[in-house]
Protein backbone atom coordinates (compact mmCIF):
# COMPACT_ATOMS: atom_id res chain seq x y z
CA UNK A 1 0.00 0.00 0.00
CA UNK A 2 1.33 3.43 -1.00
CA UNK A 3 1.83 6.01 1.67
CA UNK A 4 -0.26 9.15 1.40
CA UNK A 5 1.40 12.40 0.36
CA UNK A 6 -0.47 15.43 1.64
CA UNK A 7 -0.45 19.20 1.34
CA UNK A 8 -2.68 21.69 3.14
CA UNK A 9 -3.06 25.23 1.81
CA UNK A 10 -4.97 28.25 3.07
CA UNK A 11 -8.13 29.03 1.14
CA UNK A 12 -7.27 32.40 -0.41
CA UNK A 13 -7.40 33.92 -3.87
CA UNK A 14 -3.63 33.37 -4.14
CA UNK A 15 -3.96 29.66 -3.34
CA UNK A 16 -6.89 28.83 -5.64
CA UNK A 17 -4.86 28.53 -8.87
CA UNK A 18 -2.33 26.32 -7.07
CA UNK A 19 -5.13 24.11 -5.75
CA UNK A 20 -6.68 23.91 -9.25
CA UNK A 21 -3.29 22.96 -10.76
CA UNK A 22 -2.73 20.24 -8.14
CA UNK A 23 -6.19 18.79 -8.77
CA UNK A 24 -5.68 18.82 -12.56
CA UNK A 25 -2.18 17.30 -12.52
CA UNK A 26 -2.59 14.57 -9.88
CA UNK A 27 -5.12 11.86 -10.74
CA UNK A 28 -6.71 10.32 -7.66
CA UNK A 29 -6.28 13.42 -5.51
CA UNK A 30 -8.64 13.58 -2.55
CA UNK A 31 -9.88 16.94 -1.29
CA UNK A 32 -10.92 17.85 2.23
CA UNK A 33 -12.38 21.36 2.64
CA UNK A 34 -11.89 22.81 6.10
CA UNK A 35 -12.65 26.27 7.46
CA UNK A 36 -9.93 28.48 5.98
CA UNK A 37 -7.87 25.63 4.52
CA UNK A 38 -8.00 22.84 1.97
CA UNK A 39 -6.17 19.52 2.43
CA UNK A 40 -5.13 17.54 -0.64
CA UNK A 41 -4.11 13.88 -0.26
CA UNK A 42 -2.87 11.43 -2.88
CA UNK A 43 -1.43 7.93 -2.76
CA UNK A 44 2.29 8.01 -3.47
CA UNK A 45 3.02 11.61 -4.46
CA UNK A 46 1.69 15.09 -5.18
CA UNK A 47 3.34 17.35 -7.74
CA UNK A 48 2.75 21.07 -8.20
CA UNK A 49 3.93 22.03 -11.69
CA UNK A 50 5.16 25.55 -12.32
CA UNK A 51 3.71 25.59 -15.86
CA UNK A 52 0.25 24.52 -14.64
CA UNK A 53 0.11 27.29 -12.04
CA UNK A 54 1.43 29.89 -14.52
CA UNK A 55 -1.26 28.88 -17.00
CA UNK A 56 -3.92 29.66 -14.39
CA UNK A 57 -2.48 32.91 -13.01
CA UNK A 58 -1.20 34.37 -16.27
CA UNK A 59 2.24 35.35 -14.98
CA UNK A 60 5.57 33.72 -14.11
CA UNK A 61 5.38 31.70 -10.89
CA UNK A 62 8.23 30.38 -8.77
CA UNK A 63 7.42 27.14 -6.90
CA UNK A 64 8.93 28.80 -3.80
CA UNK A 65 5.83 31.04 -3.76
CA UNK A 66 3.84 28.08 -2.45
CA UNK A 67 5.38 28.86 0.94
CA UNK A 68 3.11 31.92 1.15
CA UNK A 69 -0.04 29.75 1.27
CA UNK A 70 1.33 26.51 2.76
CA UNK A 71 -0.09 25.32 6.07
CA UNK A 72 1.42 21.82 6.26
CA UNK A 73 2.73 18.96 4.17
CA UNK A 74 3.48 15.27 4.53
CA UNK A 75 6.14 13.53 2.47
CA UNK A 76 9.70 14.06 1.36
CA UNK A 77 10.12 17.31 -0.54
CA UNK A 78 11.76 17.53 -3.96
CA UNK A 79 11.68 20.93 -5.58
CA UNK A 80 13.37 22.82 -8.36
CA UNK A 81 12.49 25.67 -10.74
CA UNK A 82 9.75 23.60 -12.42
CA UNK A 83 8.01 21.66 -9.65
CA UNK A 84 7.30 21.10 -5.98
CA UNK A 85 6.81 17.37 -5.28
CA UNK A 86 5.91 15.52 -2.10
CA UNK A 87 6.42 11.76 -1.99
CA UNK A 88 7.50 8.96 0.31
CA UNK A 89 10.81 7.31 -0.44
CA UNK A 90 11.29 3.70 0.57
């Protein structure tokens, strides 16, 4: 059984395009709406793609900007200029 990667973001206008990109790019994502936050879980890994977020916001986006709306995460982090990925390494 795969471990669950998870990311929780605040529910703000700045976070909505990131949430939309995560949902579009990660099949099997599960969404839990909470007051003021949204938790996204997926078996194995979650990837936030720079290009997907940029497409939604209409400007350049640095994956480091996710820190501005990040509440918590679960998994090992791998990030570069093009993605922010959470997964569990065995």
